[in-house]
Protein backbone atom coordinates (compact mmCIF):
# COMPACT_ATOMS: atom_id res chain seq x y z
CA UNK A 1 94.46 -43.29 36.70
CA UNK A 2 91.57 -45.39 37.48
CA UNK A 3 92.94 -46.93 41.14
CA UNK A 4 93.86 -43.48 41.66
CA UNK A 5 90.41 -42.15 40.99
CA UNK A 6 89.11 -44.27 43.56
CA UNK A 7 91.23 -43.39 46.59
CA UNK A 8 90.09 -40.66 47.82
CA UNK A 9 86.61 -42.36 47.57
CA UNK A 10 87.75 -44.98 50.24
CA UNK A 11 89.54 -42.57 52.14
CA UNK A 12 86.67 -40.16 52.29
CA UNK A 13 84.38 -43.92 52.57
CA UNK A 14 86.78 -44.66 55.41
CA UNK A 15 86.84 -41.58 57.83
CA UNK A 16 82.90 -40.70 57.17
CA UNK A 17 82.78 -44.37 59.28
CA UNK A 18 83.93 -42.95 62.80
CA UNK A 19 83.57 -39.44 61.61
CA UNK A 20 79.59 -38.65 61.99
CA UNK A 21 79.03 -35.16 59.62
CA UNK A 22 76.24 -34.40 61.12
CA UNK A 23 78.23 -34.10 64.64
CA UNK A 24 80.72 -32.00 62.52
CA UNK A 25 78.38 -29.55 61.69
CA UNK A 26 77.13 -28.87 65.45
CA UNK A 27 80.88 -28.59 66.75
CA UNK A 28 81.28 -26.07 64.09
CA UNK A 29 78.20 -24.30 64.54
CA UNK A 30 79.40 -24.38 68.81
CA UNK A 31 82.51 -22.86 67.34
CA UNK A 32 80.60 -19.94 66.15
CA UNK A 33 78.45 -19.30 67.73
CA UNK A 34 81.66 -19.54 70.84
CA UNK A 35 84.10 -16.81 68.34
CA UNK A 36 81.58 -14.53 65.99
CA UNK A 37 79.24 -11.82 68.25
CA UNK A 38 75.98 -11.99 66.74
CA UNK A 39 73.46 -8.60 67.44
CA UNK A 40 70.90 -8.27 70.04
CA UNK A 41 68.66 -7.53 66.94
CA UNK A 42 69.92 -11.03 64.71
CA UNK A 43 69.49 -13.09 67.59
CA UNK A 44 65.92 -12.52 67.93
CA UNK A 45 65.75 -12.67 64.70
CA UNK A 46 66.69 -15.99 64.73
CA UNK A 47 65.32 -17.50 67.72
CA UNK A 48 62.20 -16.55 65.25
CA UNK A 49 63.04 -18.75 62.89
CA UNK A 50 64.36 -21.76 65.56
CA UNK A 51 60.65 -21.09 66.80
CA UNK A 52 59.48 -21.48 62.91
CA UNK A 53 61.26 -25.22 61.92
CA UNK A 54 60.58 -25.97 65.62
CA UNK A 55 57.07 -25.96 65.30
CA UNK A 56 57.37 -26.49 61.11
CA UNK A 57 59.50 -29.81 62.79
CA UNK A 58 56.32 -31.26 64.75
CA UNK A 59 53.68 -30.18 61.75
CA UNK A 60 55.56 -32.20 59.51
CA UNK A 61 55.92 -35.18 62.03
CA UNK A 62 52.00 -34.39 62.61
CA UNK A 63 51.56 -35.10 59.99
CA UNK A 64 53.71 -38.67 59.23
CA UNK A 65 52.15 -40.51 61.65
CA UNK A 66 49.16 -42.57 61.49
CA UNK A 67 46.94 -41.42 64.11
CA UNK A 68 46.61 -45.49 65.22
CA UNK A 69 50.91 -44.90 66.17
CA UNK A 70 50.48 -42.00 68.05
CA UNK A 71 47.44 -43.81 70.23
CA UNK A 72 48.75 -46.66 70.29
CA UNK A 73 52.05 -44.54 72.22
CA UNK A 74 49.94 -43.47 74.63
CA UNK A 75 48.59 -46.60 75.21
CA UNK A 76 52.27 -47.65 75.93
CA UNK A 77 52.02 -47.24 80.15
CA UNK A 78 54.98 -48.95 80.37
CA UNK A 79 56.64 -46.75 78.25
CA UNK A 80 55.50 -43.82 79.57
CA UNK A 81 56.60 -44.59 83.08
CA UNK A 82 59.60 -45.62 82.49
CA UNK A 83 59.95 -42.54 80.81
CA UNK A 84 59.00 -40.35 84.04
CA UNK A 85 60.10 -42.50 86.38
CA UNK A 86 64.02 -41.91 83.82
CA UNK A 87 62.82 -37.72 84.04
CA UNK A 88 62.53 -37.13 87.07
CA UNK A 89 63.77 -39.99 89.86
CA UNK A 90 67.11 -41.09 88.97
CA UNK A 91 67.70 -38.31 86.78
CA UNK A 92 68.07 -36.24 90.51
CA UNK A 93 69.07 -39.00 92.76
CA UNK A 94 72.43 -39.30 90.23
CA UNK A 95 72.91 -35.60 89.91
CA UNK A 96 72.32 -35.16 93.57
CA UNK A 97 75.59 -37.58 93.99
CA UNK A 98 77.08 -36.01 91.57
CA UNK A 99 76.91 -32.10 93.61
CA UNK A 100 77.55 -33.54 96.30
CA UNK A 101 81.32 -34.60 95.20
CA UNK A 102 82.13 -32.23 92.38
CA UNK A 103 80.70 -28.77 95.02
CA UNK A 104 84.23 -28.80 97.07
CA UNK A 105 87.00 -29.09 93.58
CA UNK A 106 84.69 -26.01 91.62
CA UNK A 107 82.43 -25.02 94.39
CA UNK A 108 78.78 -24.98 95.55
CA UNK A 109 77.80 -22.29 92.33
CA UNK A 110 78.48 -25.53 89.45
CA UNK A 111 77.24 -27.77 91.30
CA UNK A 112 74.46 -26.87 92.71
CA UNK A 113 74.18 -25.92 88.64
CA UNK A 114 74.14 -29.50 87.88
CA UNK A 115 71.82 -30.76 90.39
CA UNK A 116 69.37 -28.23 88.54
CA UNK A 117 70.43 -29.65 85.27
CA UNK A 118 69.18 -32.73 86.27
CA UNK A 119 65.15 -31.85 88.31
CA UNK A 120 64.39 -30.19 84.21
CA UNK A 121 62.18 -32.05 81.91
CA UNK A 122 62.99 -34.28 79.23
CA UNK A 123 64.71 -32.27 75.26
CA UNK A 124 61.56 -32.40 72.83
CA UNK A 125 62.68 -32.06 69.14
CA UNK A 126 65.92 -32.99 69.75
CA UNK A 127 64.96 -36.37 71.21
CA UNK A 128 62.26 -37.04 68.96
CA UNK A 129 64.50 -36.38 66.01
CA UNK A 130 67.40 -38.25 67.71
CA UNK A 131 64.46 -41.18 67.88
CA UNK A 132 63.72 -40.55 64.39
CA UNK A 133 66.79 -41.09 63.33
CA UNK A 134 67.57 -44.34 64.62
CA UNK A 135 64.72 -45.91 63.81
CA UNK A 136 63.10 -45.58 67.13
CA UNK A 137 59.48 -45.10 67.80
CA UNK A 138 59.36 -41.76 67.16
CA UNK A 139 55.09 -41.77 68.30
CA UNK A 140 56.23 -43.21 71.82
CA UNK A 141 58.98 -39.87 71.39
CA UNK A 142 57.02 -37.21 70.63
CA UNK A 143 53.72 -38.44 73.61
CA UNK A 144 56.66 -38.81 76.00
CA UNK A 145 58.82 -36.16 75.49
CA UNK A 146 55.53 -33.55 76.17
CA UNK A 147 54.00 -35.71 78.75
CA UNK A 148 57.44 -34.98 80.66
CA UNK A 149 57.19 -31.10 79.56
CA UNK A 150 53.47 -30.77 80.63
CA UNK A 151 54.92 -32.70 83.92
CA UNK A 152 57.97 -31.01 83.52
CA UNK A 153 55.68 -27.51 85.02
CA UNK A 154 55.23 -29.27 87.78
CA UNK A 155 57.66 -31.77 89.30
CA UNK A 156 60.43 -29.21 89.15
CA UNK A 157 59.85 -26.63 91.34
CA UNK A 158 58.42 -29.30 93.64
CA UNK A 159 61.74 -30.41 93.10
CA UNK A 160 63.77 -28.05 93.45
CA UNK A 161 61.89 -26.85 96.01
CA UNK A 162 62.82 -29.62 97.55
CA UNK A 163 66.54 -30.20 96.97
CA UNK A 164 67.41 -27.20 96.92
CA UNK A 165 65.69 -24.76 98.67
CA UNK A 166 69.05 -22.88 99.78
CA UNK A 167 68.43 -20.74 96.54
CA UNK A 168 65.22 -21.05 95.58
CA UNK A 169 63.79 -16.96 94.81
CA UNK A 170 61.20 -16.15 97.38
CA UNK A 171 58.14 -16.46 96.11
CA UNK A 172 58.82 -19.59 94.14
CA UNK A 173 56.45 -19.42 91.58
CA UNK A 174 56.42 -20.76 88.68
CA UNK A 175 55.45 -19.19 85.00
CA UNK A 176 53.19 -20.31 82.69
CA UNK A 177 54.98 -19.73 79.61
CA UNK A 178 56.62 -22.84 79.01
CA UNK A 179 53.40 -24.62 79.26
CA UNK A 180 52.41 -22.34 76.57
CA UNK A 181 55.07 -22.85 74.61
CA UNK A 182 54.34 -26.61 74.81
CA UNK A 183 51.04 -26.33 73.78
CA UNK A 184 51.60 -23.25 71.07
CA UNK A 185 54.83 -24.50 69.33
CA UNK A 186 54.47 -28.14 69.61
CA UNK A 187 51.53 -29.54 70.80
CA UNK A 188 49.68 -27.30 68.32
CA UNK A 189 51.84 -28.14 64.89
CA UNK A 190 50.83 -32.12 65.93
CA UNK A 191 47.42 -31.15 66.42
CA UNK A 192 47.75 -30.22 63.20
CA UNK A 193 49.20 -32.47 60.86
CA UNK A 194 47.05 -34.85 62.43
CA UNK A 195 44.30 -33.27 61.50
CA UNK A 196 45.72 -33.17 57.40
CA UNK A 197 47.34 -37.01 57.60
CA UNK A 198 44.46 -38.51 56.21
CA UNK A 199 45.17 -36.00 53.22
CA UNK A 200 48.46 -35.07 53.52
CA UNK A 201 50.34 -37.84 55.52
CA UNK A 202 51.12 -40.42 52.16
CA UNK A 203 53.38 -37.45 50.67
CA UNK A 204 55.73 -36.97 53.78
CA UNK A 205 56.66 -40.63 54.20
CA UNK A 206 57.45 -40.94 51.00
CA UNK A 207 59.49 -37.71 50.88
CA UNK A 208 61.21 -38.16 54.08
CA UNK A 209 64.44 -36.45 53.05
CA UNK A 210 62.55 -33.31 53.53
CA UNK A 211 61.34 -34.18 57.35
CA UNK A 212 65.49 -35.30 57.57
CA UNK A 213 66.87 -31.58 56.49
CA UNK A 214 63.87 -30.23 59.03
CA UNK A 215 64.78 -32.26 61.73
CA UNK A 216 68.89 -31.46 61.81
CA UNK A 217 68.13 -28.07 60.58
CA UNK A 218 66.25 -27.65 63.48
CA UNK A 219 69.03 -29.12 65.71
CA UNK A 220 71.50 -26.42 64.19
CA UNK A 221 69.43 -24.04 65.24
CA UNK A 222 68.78 -24.35 68.42
CA UNK A 223 73.05 -24.88 68.91
CA UNK A 224 73.69 -21.67 66.98
CA UNK A 225 70.84 -19.98 69.15
CA UNK A 226 71.83 -20.87 71.87
CA UNK A 227 75.03 -20.70 72.53
CA UNK A 228 75.20 -17.08 71.07
CA UNK A 229 72.86 -15.73 72.57
CA UNK A 230 75.27 -17.45 75.97
CA UNK A 231 78.28 -15.16 74.82
CA UNK A 232 76.19 -12.34 73.76
CA UNK A 233 75.28 -12.82 77.75
CA UNK A 234 78.69 -12.78 78.46
CA UNK A 235 78.70 -16.20 80.99
CA UNK A 236 81.74 -17.62 79.36
CA UNK A 237 84.39 -15.23 80.71
CA UNK A 238 84.72 -16.63 84.58
CA UNK A 239 85.27 -19.56 83.16
CA UNK A 240 88.75 -20.67 84.16
CA UNK A 241 90.46 -23.75 82.08
CA UNK A 242 90.36 -25.18 86.19
CA UNK A 243 86.35 -25.52 86.55
CA UNK A 244 85.55 -25.86 81.80
CA UNK A 245 87.22 -29.57 82.33
CA UNK A 246 85.48 -30.24 85.55
CA UNK A 247 81.89 -29.10 84.38
CA UNK A 248 82.70 -31.78 81.04
CA UNK A 249 84.21 -34.05 82.99
CA UNK A 250 80.47 -33.74 85.16
CA UNK A 251 78.30 -33.42 82.90
CA UNK A 252 79.70 -36.13 80.58
CA UNK A 253 79.87 -38.54 83.53
CA UNK A 254 75.86 -37.47 83.88
CA UNK A 255 75.65 -38.16 80.83
CA UNK A 256 76.46 -41.74 80.64
CA UNK A 257 75.53 -42.76 83.57
CA UNK A 258 71.93 -41.68 82.89
CA UNK A 259 72.53 -43.04 79.09
CA UNK A 260 73.83 -46.46 80.15
CA UNK A 261 71.10 -46.51 83.10
CA UNK A 262 67.97 -46.15 79.80
CA UNK A 263 69.33 -48.65 78.03
CA UNK A 264 70.21 -50.81 79.99
CA UNK A 265 67.47 -50.23 82.53
CA UNK A 266 64.66 -51.02 79.08
CA UNK A 267 66.44 -53.90 77.89
CA UNK A 268 65.66 -55.18 82.17
CA UNK A 269 61.91 -54.26 81.34
CA UNK A 270 61.89 -56.41 78.09
CA UNK A 271 61.39 -53.75 75.77
CA UNK A 272 61.19 -54.43 72.20
CA UNK A 273 64.45 -52.07 70.42
CA UNK A 274 62.37 -49.30 68.85
CA UNK A 275 61.50 -48.60 72.39
CA UNK A 276 64.22 -48.70 74.25
CA UNK A 277 65.63 -46.11 71.84
CA UNK A 278 62.79 -43.52 72.53
CA UNK A 279 63.49 -44.16 76.47
CA UNK A 280 68.05 -43.85 75.84
CA UNK A 281 67.32 -40.73 73.96
CA UNK A 282 64.22 -38.97 76.19
CA UNK A 283 64.60 -40.15 79.69
CA UNK A 284 68.48 -40.20 78.95
CA UNK A 285 68.04 -35.53 77.59
CA UNK A 286 67.22 -32.65 79.04
CA UNK A 287 65.48 -29.70 77.80
CA UNK A 288 67.76 -26.42 77.49
CA UNK A 289 64.54 -24.56 75.40
CA UNK A 290 61.61 -25.17 78.79
CA UNK A 291 65.08 -25.59 81.56
CA UNK A 292 66.10 -22.03 81.27
CA UNK A 293 62.84 -20.16 81.14
CA UNK A 294 61.91 -22.12 84.35
CA UNK A 295 65.71 -21.44 86.05
CA UNK A 296 64.67 -18.87 85.45
CA UNK A 297 61.61 -18.88 87.27
CA UNK A 298 63.18 -20.77 90.65
CA UNK A 299 66.19 -18.68 91.08
CA UNK A 300 68.04 -15.61 92.13
CA UNK A 301 70.51 -13.72 89.44
CA UNK A 302 72.62 -14.83 91.39
CA UNK A 303 72.42 -17.94 91.55
CA UNK A 304 70.85 -18.35 87.61
CA UNK A 305 74.20 -16.92 86.26
CA UNK A 306 76.07 -20.59 87.43
CA UNK A 307 72.75 -22.83 86.45
CA UNK A 308 72.91 -21.76 82.43
CA UNK A 309 76.44 -22.91 82.26
CA UNK A 310 75.80 -26.36 82.98
CA UNK A 311 72.86 -26.62 81.20
CA UNK A 312 74.39 -25.55 77.74
CA UNK A 313 77.22 -27.33 78.95
CA UNK A 314 75.30 -30.62 79.52
CA UNK A 315 73.00 -29.55 76.33
CA UNK A 316 75.56 -29.57 73.71
CA UNK A 317 77.63 -32.52 75.16
CA UNK A 318 74.15 -33.77 74.82
CA UNK A 319 73.45 -33.07 71.72
CA UNK A 320 77.55 -34.33 70.11
CA UNK A 321 76.77 -37.86 71.70
CA UNK A 322 73.45 -38.73 71.27
CA UNK A 323 74.21 -37.16 67.25
CA UNK A 324 76.26 -40.46 67.39
CA UNK A 325 74.45 -42.98 69.44
CA UNK A 326 71.05 -41.82 67.02
CA UNK A 327 73.55 -42.49 63.51
CA UNK A 328 75.08 -44.93 64.38
CA UNK A 329 71.81 -47.32 66.05
CA UNK A 330 70.03 -46.08 62.69
CA UNK A 331 72.98 -47.85 60.80
CA UNK A 332 72.50 -51.30 62.81
CA UNK A 333 70.12 -53.53 61.11
CA UNK A 334 66.43 -53.81 63.29
CA UNK A 335 65.39 -57.13 63.82
CA UNK A 336 62.80 -58.64 62.35
CA UNK A 337 60.74 -58.25 66.45
CA UNK A 338 61.17 -54.97 66.70
CA UNK A 339 58.16 -52.94 67.89
CA UNK A 340 56.27 -56.46 68.29
CA UNK A 341 56.22 -55.94 72.03
CA UNK A 342 59.44 -58.49 72.42
CA UNK A 343 62.68 -58.29 72.96
């Protein structure tokens, strides 16, 4: 009896070793978003809930992080500079090469979409959440991802104008909605959390499970709302099997190249383990939340329709891949010198 009762437990441990339950949850959220039609009013409520969840997440991060950690990360020019170079130099170069290779296979539209993905700022909430799971430099991730989005308000339009001049909308103007989102939804809660940190910081740090639950719940909300919105717009209707296969493969190549470049680049720069994790998970990801508003402001409607598909595909792929990486890195024993500035 004892042996039999132990078998399911052993089997479950073996399954969990190779299958991350969080990845399964992401895939389920993705499939539900594709299959189940969501009315516009419900999607509107989900958007609001997601915005609140993101704000709550950064409120908790601000409350959890000692102010000295935030200041240390802002003054870490090697990490912050590396993140900007990865996001706005290395990523566009990789995207430019990939779009040139993919264009003859699936047409110029998808190729332009892949290039546009490479020009966007880094994602914020997902990258910070994964950095936390992987036991990286969370303060550095918050600062780096936020700076990336602020710099992206200028850098992304310039990159689009320089590399995609043939498809840019006539006025070429970018609105301030993305910057307002960063300021109101991310920075304001973070600052508020920092102000509350002397009183509630210890409590939040003792109840890490609360932050973890908000981390993962927020990611699932983002996945579902993004996919359900794309489904409602009907962007999957004209996608053939061949185009989907090439698109997913190309997105995987772009993601793989940048994850490898950031991880080994951090090692070459002599970064400690926690900062390499931050460079990997912030420098190797792109933003859907700020990416779509930017693309909408910069591109004509006909071009925007094909840009949305690669962006959604890349975004979902990076969530799945980076969740696995974060889980694996979080389970690794952390070297005693991690965070000390030595490799």
